[in-house]
Amino acid sequence: MPTILTLFGLRFYFYSDEHLPIHIHIQYGEYDAKVEIMTRKVVYNRGIKAIDMRRALEVIEMYQEEIIAKWHEYFE
């Protein structure tokens, strides 16, 4: 599971057998979520508080190009 970045206690990572569309997993303590990168659609959120999820979405927006580049680097 490659970790892409860690900010504000949020860990952003991929699993090694991912699939399209490009998405990222987020871990915050014992909770997790999955977000599609291009649309920033929250596929699921298992326990991350709304304020922390907003922060995660802001991080994804700020680092979108880097996340996509890491996806292509890892999976191609």
PDB file of N, CA and C in Angstrom:
ATOM      1  N   MET A   1       0.844  -1.180   0.000  1.00  0.00           N
ATOM      2  CA  MET A   1       0.000   0.000   0.000  1.00  0.00           C
ATOM      3  C   MET A   1       0.883   1.234   0.000  1.00  0.00           C
ATOM      4  N   PRO A   2       1.124   1.800  -1.158  1.00  0.00           N
ATOM      5  CA  PRO A   2       1.956   3.000  -1.189  1.00  0.00           C
ATOM      6  C   PRO A   2       1.231   4.208  -0.589  1.00  0.00           C
ATOM      7  N   THR A   3       1.887   4.837   0.369  1.00  0.00           N
ATOM      8  CA  THR A   3       1.373   6.080   0.946  1.00  0.00           C
ATOM      9  C   THR A   3       1.834   7.222   0.060  1.00  0.00           C
ATOM     10  N   ILE A   4       0.890   8.057  -0.355  1.00  0.00           N
ATOM     11  CA  ILE A   4       1.203   9.180  -1.228  1.00  0.00           C
ATOM     12  C   ILE A   4       1.608  10.396  -0.414  1.00  0.00           C
ATOM     13  N   LEU A   5       0.855  10.688   0.635  1.00  0.00           N
ATOM     14  CA  LEU A   5       1.210  11.772   1.544  1.00  0.00           C
ATOM     15  C   LEU A   5       0.458  11.636   2.845  1.00  0.00           C
ATOM     16  N   THR A   6       0.974  12.313   3.846  1.00  0.00           N
ATOM     17  CA  THR A   6       0.343  12.353   5.156  1.00  0.00           C
ATOM     18  C   THR A   6       0.328  13.804   5.617  1.00  0.00           C
ATOM     19  N   LEU A   7      -0.861  14.332   5.858  1.00  0.00           N
ATOM     20  CA  LEU A   7      -1.034  15.716   6.312  1.00  0.00           C
ATOM     21  C   LEU A   7      -2.171  15.773   7.320  1.00  0.00           C
ATOM     22  N   PHE A   8      -1.993  16.566   8.359  1.00  0.00           N
ATOM     23  CA  PHE A   8      -3.041  16.788   9.359  1.00  0.00           C
ATOM     24  C   PHE A   8      -3.545  15.482   9.981  1.00  0.00           C
ATOM     25  N   GLY A   9      -2.673  14.489  10.041  1.00  0.00           N
ATOM     26  CA  GLY A   9      -3.088  13.196  10.581  1.00  0.00           C
ATOM     27  C   GLY A   9      -3.836  12.329   9.588  1.00  0.00           C
ATOM     28  N   LEU A  10      -4.031  12.827   8.376  1.00  0.00           N
ATOM     29  CA  LEU A  10      -4.710  12.092   7.311  1.00  0.00           C
ATOM     30  C   LEU A  10      -3.665  11.395   6.444  1.00  0.00           C
ATOM     31  N   ARG A  11      -3.837  10.118   6.241  1.00  0.00           N
ATOM     32  CA  ARG A  11      -2.927   9.357   5.372  1.00  0.00           C
ATOM     33  C   ARG A  11      -3.637   9.063   4.058  1.00  0.00           C
ATOM     34  N   PHE A  12      -3.008   9.427   2.954  1.00  0.00           N
ATOM     35  CA  PHE A  12      -3.555   9.234   1.616  1.00  0.00           C
ATOM     36  C   PHE A  12      -2.754   8.120   0.947  1.00  0.00           C
ATOM     37  N   TYR A  13      -3.436   7.088   0.469  1.00  0.00           N
ATOM     38  CA  TYR A  13      -2.710   5.926  -0.058  1.00  0.00           C
ATOM     39  C   TYR A  13      -3.512   5.202  -1.130  1.00  0.00           C
ATOM     40  N   PHE A  14      -2.803   4.323  -1.867  1.00  0.00           N
ATOM     41  CA  PHE A  14      -3.401   3.407  -2.834  1.00  0.00           C
ATOM     42  C   PHE A  14      -3.208   1.992  -2.316  1.00  0.00           C
ATOM     43  N   TYR A  15      -4.050   1.083  -2.760  1.00  0.00           N
ATOM     44  CA  TYR A  15      -3.780  -0.337  -2.602  1.00  0.00           C
ATOM     45  C   TYR A  15      -2.980  -0.784  -3.819  1.00  0.00           C
ATOM     46  N   SER A  16      -2.264  -1.870  -3.722  1.00  0.00           N
ATOM     47  CA  SER A  16      -1.390  -2.296  -4.817  1.00  0.00           C
ATOM     48  C   SER A  16      -2.146  -2.916  -5.991  1.00  0.00           C
ATOM     49  N   ASP A  17      -3.433  -3.192  -5.840  1.00  0.00           N
ATOM     50  CA  ASP A  17      -4.213  -3.793  -6.929  1.00  0.00           C
ATOM     51  C   ASP A  17      -5.409  -2.917  -7.309  1.00  0.00           C
ATOM     52  N   GLU A  18      -5.172  -1.634  -7.443  1.00  0.00           N
ATOM     53  CA  GLU A  18      -6.256  -0.674  -7.699  1.00  0.00           C
ATOM     54  C   GLU A  18      -6.836  -0.799  -9.098  1.00  0.00           C
ATOM     55  N   HIS A  19      -7.907  -0.080  -9.339  1.00  0.00           N
ATOM     56  CA  HIS A  19      -8.653  -0.083 -10.589  1.00  0.00           C
ATOM     57  C   HIS A  19      -9.104   1.346 -10.879  1.00  0.00           C
ATOM     58  N   LEU A  20      -9.520   1.575 -12.116  1.00  0.00           N
ATOM     59  CA  LEU A  20     -10.064   2.879 -12.482  1.00  0.00           C
ATOM     60  C   LEU A  20     -11.484   3.000 -11.963  1.00  0.00           C
ATOM     61  N   PRO A  21     -12.012   4.192 -11.771  1.00  0.00           N
ATOM     62  CA  PRO A  21     -11.384   5.494 -11.963  1.00  0.00           C
ATOM     63  C   PRO A  21     -10.322   5.765 -10.894  1.00  0.00           C
ATOM     64  N   ILE A  22      -9.454   6.712 -11.219  1.00  0.00           N
ATOM     65  CA  ILE A  22      -8.388   7.059 -10.289  1.00  0.00           C
ATOM     66  C   ILE A  22      -9.015   7.551  -8.989  1.00  0.00           C
ATOM     67  N   HIS A  23      -8.587   6.947  -7.902  1.00  0.00           N
ATOM     68  CA  HIS A  23      -9.134   7.297  -6.595  1.00  0.00           C
ATOM     69  C   HIS A  23      -8.043   7.136  -5.544  1.00  0.00           C
ATOM     70  N   ILE A  24      -8.331   7.602  -4.359  1.00  0.00           N
ATOM     71  CA  ILE A  24      -7.375   7.495  -3.261  1.00  0.00           C
ATOM     72  C   ILE A  24      -8.112   7.097  -1.995  1.00  0.00           C
ATOM     73  N   HIS A  25      -7.428   6.356  -1.155  1.00  0.00           N
ATOM     74  CA  HIS A  25      -7.966   5.971   0.142  1.00  0.00           C
ATOM     75  C   HIS A  25      -7.398   6.918   1.187  1.00  0.00           C
ATOM     76  N   ILE A  26      -8.190   7.187   2.193  1.00  0.00           N
ATOM     77  CA  ILE A  26      -7.794   8.095   3.264  1.00  0.00           C
ATOM     78  C   ILE A  26      -7.980   7.361   4.581  1.00  0.00           C
ATOM     79  N   GLN A  27      -6.981   7.452   5.428  1.00  0.00           N
ATOM     80  CA  GLN A  27      -7.084   6.871   6.765  1.00  0.00           C
ATOM     81  C   GLN A  27      -6.885   7.988   7.779  1.00  0.00           C
ATOM     82  N   TYR A  28      -7.747   8.009   8.780  1.00  0.00           N
ATOM     83  CA  TYR A  28      -7.640   8.964   9.878  1.00  0.00           C
ATOM     84  C   TYR A  28      -7.898   8.184  11.156  1.00  0.00           C
ATOM     85  N   GLY A  29      -6.817   7.832  11.831  1.00  0.00           N
ATOM     86  CA  GLY A  29      -6.956   6.962  12.996  1.00  0.00           C
ATOM     87  C   GLY A  29      -7.495   5.616  12.560  1.00  0.00           C
ATOM     88  N   GLU A  30      -8.566   5.181  13.184  1.00  0.00           N
ATOM     89  CA  GLU A  30      -9.158   3.886  12.842  1.00  0.00           C
ATOM     90  C   GLU A  30     -10.205   3.987  11.736  1.00  0.00           C
ATOM     91  N   TYR A  31     -10.426   5.180  11.207  1.00  0.00           N
ATOM     92  CA  TYR A  31     -11.465   5.414  10.204  1.00  0.00           C
ATOM     93  C   TYR A  31     -10.863   5.534   8.815  1.00  0.00           C
ATOM     94  N   ASP A  32     -11.700   5.313   7.790  1.00  0.00           N
ATOM     95  CA  ASP A  32     -11.197   5.414   6.431  1.00  0.00           C
ATOM     96  C   ASP A  32     -12.279   5.873   5.471  1.00  0.00           C
ATOM     97  N   ALA A  33     -11.809   6.290   4.293  1.00  0.00           N
ATOM     98  CA  ALA A  33     -12.700   6.761   3.239  1.00  0.00           C
ATOM     99  C   ALA A  33     -12.033   6.510   1.896  1.00  0.00           C
ATOM    100  N   LYS A  34     -12.823   6.644   0.852  1.00  0.00           N
ATOM    101  CA  LYS A  34     -12.333   6.498  -0.518  1.00  0.00           C
ATOM    102  C   LYS A  34     -12.925   7.634  -1.344  1.00  0.00           C
ATOM    103  N   VAL A  35     -12.076   8.306  -2.144  1.00  0.00           N
ATOM    104  CA  VAL A  35     -12.511   9.466  -2.926  1.00  0.00           C
ATOM    105  C   VAL A  35     -12.010   9.334  -4.357  1.00  0.00           C
ATOM    106  N   GLU A  36     -12.906   9.546  -5.331  1.00  0.00           N
ATOM    107  CA  GLU A  36     -12.499   9.630  -6.728  1.00  0.00           C
ATOM    108  C   GLU A  36     -11.807  10.969  -6.937  1.00  0.00           C
ATOM    109  N   ILE A  37     -10.663  10.942  -7.588  1.00  0.00           N
ATOM    110  CA  ILE A  37      -9.838  12.144  -7.698  1.00  0.00           C
ATOM    111  C   ILE A  37     -10.465  13.211  -8.598  1.00  0.00           C
ATOM    112  N   MET A  38     -10.881  12.855  -9.794  1.00  0.00           N
ATOM    113  CA  MET A  38     -11.345  13.858 -10.760  1.00  0.00           C
ATOM    114  C   MET A  38     -12.630  14.554 -10.316  1.00  0.00           C
ATOM    115  N   THR A  39     -13.532  13.832  -9.709  1.00  0.00           N
ATOM    116  CA  THR A  39     -14.818  14.410  -9.312  1.00  0.00           C
ATOM    117  C   THR A  39     -14.853  14.792  -7.834  1.00  0.00           C
ATOM    118  N   ARG A  40     -13.885  14.281  -7.077  1.00  0.00           N
ATOM    119  CA  ARG A  40     -13.843  14.418  -5.614  1.00  0.00           C
ATOM    120  C   ARG A  40     -15.101  13.833  -4.959  1.00  0.00           C
ATOM    121  N   LYS A  41     -15.673  12.845  -5.643  1.00  0.00           N
ATOM    122  CA  LYS A  41     -16.832  12.132  -5.102  1.00  0.00           C
ATOM    123  C   LYS A  41     -16.363  11.209  -3.979  1.00  0.00           C
ATOM    124  N   VAL A  42     -17.023  11.298  -2.837  1.00  0.00           N
ATOM    125  CA  VAL A  42     -16.725  10.405  -1.721  1.00  0.00           C
ATOM    126  C   VAL A  42     -17.456   9.096  -1.994  1.00  0.00           C
ATOM    127  N   VAL A  43     -16.700   8.052  -2.307  1.00  0.00           N
ATOM    128  CA  VAL A  43     -17.277   6.746  -2.610  1.00  0.00           C
ATOM    129  C   VAL A  43     -17.807   6.125  -1.329  1.00  0.00           C
ATOM    130  N   TYR A  44     -17.019   6.201  -0.267  1.00  0.00           N
ATOM    131  CA  TYR A  44     -17.485   5.795   1.059  1.00  0.00           C
ATOM    132  C   TYR A  44     -16.703   6.548   2.113  1.00  0.00           C
ATOM    133  N   ASN A  45     -17.319   6.668   3.260  1.00  0.00           N
ATOM    134  CA  ASN A  45     -16.685   7.282   4.426  1.00  0.00           C
ATOM    135  C   ASN A  45     -17.111   6.462   5.630  1.00  0.00           C
ATOM    136  N   ARG A  46     -16.136   5.812   6.227  1.00  0.00           N
ATOM    137  CA  ARG A  46     -16.422   4.978   7.389  1.00  0.00           C
ATOM    138  C   ARG A  46     -15.848   5.641   8.639  1.00  0.00           C
ATOM    139  N   GLY A  47     -16.554   6.695   9.090  1.00  0.00           N
ATOM    140  CA  GLY A  47     -16.263   7.281  10.384  1.00  0.00           C
ATOM    141  C   GLY A  47     -15.460   8.561  10.432  1.00  0.00           C
ATOM    142  N   ILE A  48     -14.927   9.037   9.309  1.00  0.00           N
ATOM    143  CA  ILE A  48     -14.170  10.287   9.343  1.00  0.00           C
ATOM    144  C   ILE A  48     -15.161  11.439   9.516  1.00  0.00           C
ATOM    145  N   LYS A  49     -14.923  12.288  10.511  1.00  0.00           N
ATOM    146  CA  LYS A  49     -15.826  13.417  10.786  1.00  0.00           C
ATOM    147  C   LYS A  49     -15.862  14.378   9.603  1.00  0.00           C
ATOM    148  N   ALA A  50     -16.981  15.077   9.464  1.00  0.00           N
ATOM    149  CA  ALA A  50     -17.202  15.986   8.338  1.00  0.00           C
ATOM    150  C   ALA A  50     -16.092  17.024   8.215  1.00  0.00           C
ATOM    151  N   ILE A  51     -15.654  17.608   9.306  1.00  0.00           N
ATOM    152  CA  ILE A  51     -14.610  18.628   9.244  1.00  0.00           C
ATOM    153  C   ILE A  51     -13.291  18.045   8.721  1.00  0.00           C
ATOM    154  N   ASP A  52     -12.983  16.815   9.119  1.00  0.00           N
ATOM    155  CA  ASP A  52     -11.758  16.162   8.648  1.00  0.00           C
ATOM    156  C   ASP A  52     -11.895  15.729   7.190  1.00  0.00           C
ATOM    157  N   MET A  53     -13.096  15.339   6.789  1.00  0.00           N
ATOM    158  CA  MET A  53     -13.328  14.972   5.394  1.00  0.00           C
ATOM    159  C   MET A  53     -13.191  16.196   4.497  1.00  0.00           C
ATOM    160  N   ARG A  54     -13.700  17.341   4.952  1.00  0.00           N
ATOM    161  CA  ARG A  54     -13.530  18.580   4.174  1.00  0.00           C
ATOM    162  C   ARG A  54     -12.058  18.898   3.999  1.00  0.00           C
ATOM    163  N   ARG A  55     -11.296  18.734   5.074  1.00  0.00           N
ATOM    164  CA  ARG A  55      -9.850  18.982   4.998  1.00  0.00           C
ATOM    165  C   ARG A  55      -9.208  18.007   4.006  1.00  0.00           C
ATOM    166  N   ALA A  56      -9.614  16.741   4.038  1.00  0.00           N
ATOM    167  CA  ALA A  56      -9.080  15.746   3.108  1.00  0.00           C
ATOM    168  C   ALA A  56      -9.390  16.133   1.662  1.00  0.00           C
ATOM    169  N   LEU A  57     -10.603  16.582   1.406  1.00  0.00           N
ATOM    170  CA  LEU A  57     -10.982  16.993   0.055  1.00  0.00           C
ATOM    171  C   LEU A  57     -10.193  18.213  -0.395  1.00  0.00           C
ATOM    172  N   GLU A  58      -9.893  19.121   0.514  1.00  0.00           N
ATOM    173  CA  GLU A  58      -9.051  20.275   0.190  1.00  0.00           C
ATOM    174  C   GLU A  58      -7.638  19.827  -0.166  1.00  0.00           C
ATOM    175  N   VAL A  59      -7.110  18.876   0.570  1.00  0.00           N
ATOM    176  CA  VAL A  59      -5.772  18.343   0.282  1.00  0.00           C
ATOM    177  C   VAL A  59      -5.770  17.677  -1.089  1.00  0.00           C
ATOM    178  N   ILE A  60      -6.799  16.895  -1.381  1.00  0.00           N
ATOM    179  CA  ILE A  60      -6.889  16.241  -2.689  1.00  0.00           C
ATOM    180  C   ILE A  60      -6.922  17.277  -3.801  1.00  0.00           C
ATOM    181  N   GLU A  61      -7.683  18.332  -3.610  1.00  0.00           N
ATOM    182  CA  GLU A  61      -7.745  19.390  -4.618  1.00  0.00           C
ATOM    183  C   GLU A  61      -6.370  20.030  -4.818  1.00  0.00           C
ATOM    184  N   MET A  62      -5.679  20.322  -3.726  1.00  0.00           N
ATOM    185  CA  MET A  62      -4.365  20.969  -3.817  1.00  0.00           C
ATOM    186  C   MET A  62      -3.313  20.060  -4.453  1.00  0.00           C
ATOM    187  N   TYR A  63      -3.393  18.760  -4.213  1.00  0.00           N
ATOM    188  CA  TYR A  63      -2.372  17.819  -4.675  1.00  0.00           C
ATOM    189  C   TYR A  63      -2.869  16.908  -5.791  1.00  0.00           C
ATOM    190  N   GLN A  64      -3.944  17.296  -6.454  1.00  0.00           N
ATOM    191  CA  GLN A  64      -4.552  16.444  -7.477  1.00  0.00           C
ATOM    192  C   GLN A  64      -3.552  16.006  -8.538  1.00  0.00           C
ATOM    193  N   GLU A  65      -2.789  16.924  -9.092  1.00  0.00           N
ATOM    194  CA  GLU A  65      -1.838  16.578 -10.156  1.00  0.00           C
ATOM    195  C   GLU A  65      -0.786  15.597  -9.665  1.00  0.00           C
ATOM    196  N   GLU A  66      -0.290  15.804  -8.455  1.00  0.00           N
ATOM    197  CA  GLU A  66       0.718  14.898  -7.897  1.00  0.00           C
ATOM    198  C   GLU A  66       0.135  13.509  -7.641  1.00  0.00           C
ATOM    199  N   ILE A  67      -1.098  13.449  -7.158  1.00  0.00           N
ATOM    200  CA  ILE A  67      -1.744  12.161  -6.900  1.00  0.00           C
ATOM    201  C   ILE A  67      -1.925  11.401  -8.207  1.00  0.00           C
ATOM    202  N   ILE A  68      -2.395  12.080  -9.240  1.00  0.00           N
ATOM    203  CA  ILE A  68      -2.586  11.441 -10.544  1.00  0.00           C
ATOM    204  C   ILE A  68      -1.251  10.961 -11.098  1.00  0.00           C
ATOM    205  N   ALA A  69      -0.216  11.775 -10.970  1.00  0.00           N
ATOM    206  CA  ALA A  69       1.112  11.384 -11.444  1.00  0.00           C
ATOM    207  C   ALA A  69       1.612  10.147 -10.706  1.00  0.00           C
ATOM    208  N   LYS A  70       1.419  10.107  -9.395  1.00  0.00           N
ATOM    209  CA  LYS A  70       1.833   8.939  -8.603  1.00  0.00           C
ATOM    210  C   LYS A  70       1.052   7.696  -9.013  1.00  0.00           C
ATOM    211  N   TRP A  71      -0.246   7.865  -9.293  1.00  0.00           N
ATOM    212  CA  TRP A  71      -1.080   6.747  -9.745  1.00  0.00           C
ATOM    213  C   TRP A  71      -0.482   6.146 -11.016  1.00  0.00           C
ATOM    214  N   HIS A  72      -0.211   7.013 -12.014  1.00  0.00           N
ATOM    215  CA  HIS A  72       0.325   6.534 -13.290  1.00  0.00           C
ATOM    216  C   HIS A  72       1.716   5.922 -13.108  1.00  0.00           C
ATOM    217  N   GLU A  73       2.524   6.531 -12.287  1.00  0.00           N
ATOM    218  CA  GLU A  73       3.867   6.012 -12.015  1.00  0.00           C
ATOM    219  C   GLU A  73       3.790   4.613 -11.398  1.00  0.00           C
ATOM    220  N   TYR A  74       2.895   4.408 -10.491  1.00  0.00           N
ATOM    221  CA  TYR A  74       2.797   3.135  -9.783  1.00  0.00           C
ATOM    222  C   TYR A  74       2.123   2.052 -10.607  1.00  0.00           C
ATOM    223  N   PHE A  75       1.067   2.392 -11.329  1.00  0.00           N
ATOM    224  CA  PHE A  75       0.255   1.373 -11.987  1.00  0.00           C
ATOM    225  C   PHE A  75       0.573   1.152 -13.461  1.00  0.00           C
ATOM    226  N   GLU A  76       1.474   1.946 -14.016  1.00  0.00           N
ATOM    227  CA  GLU A  76       1.807   1.743 -15.438  1.00  0.00           C
ATOM    228  C   GLU A  76       3.205   1.223 -15.611  1.00  0.00           C
TER     229      GLU A  76
END
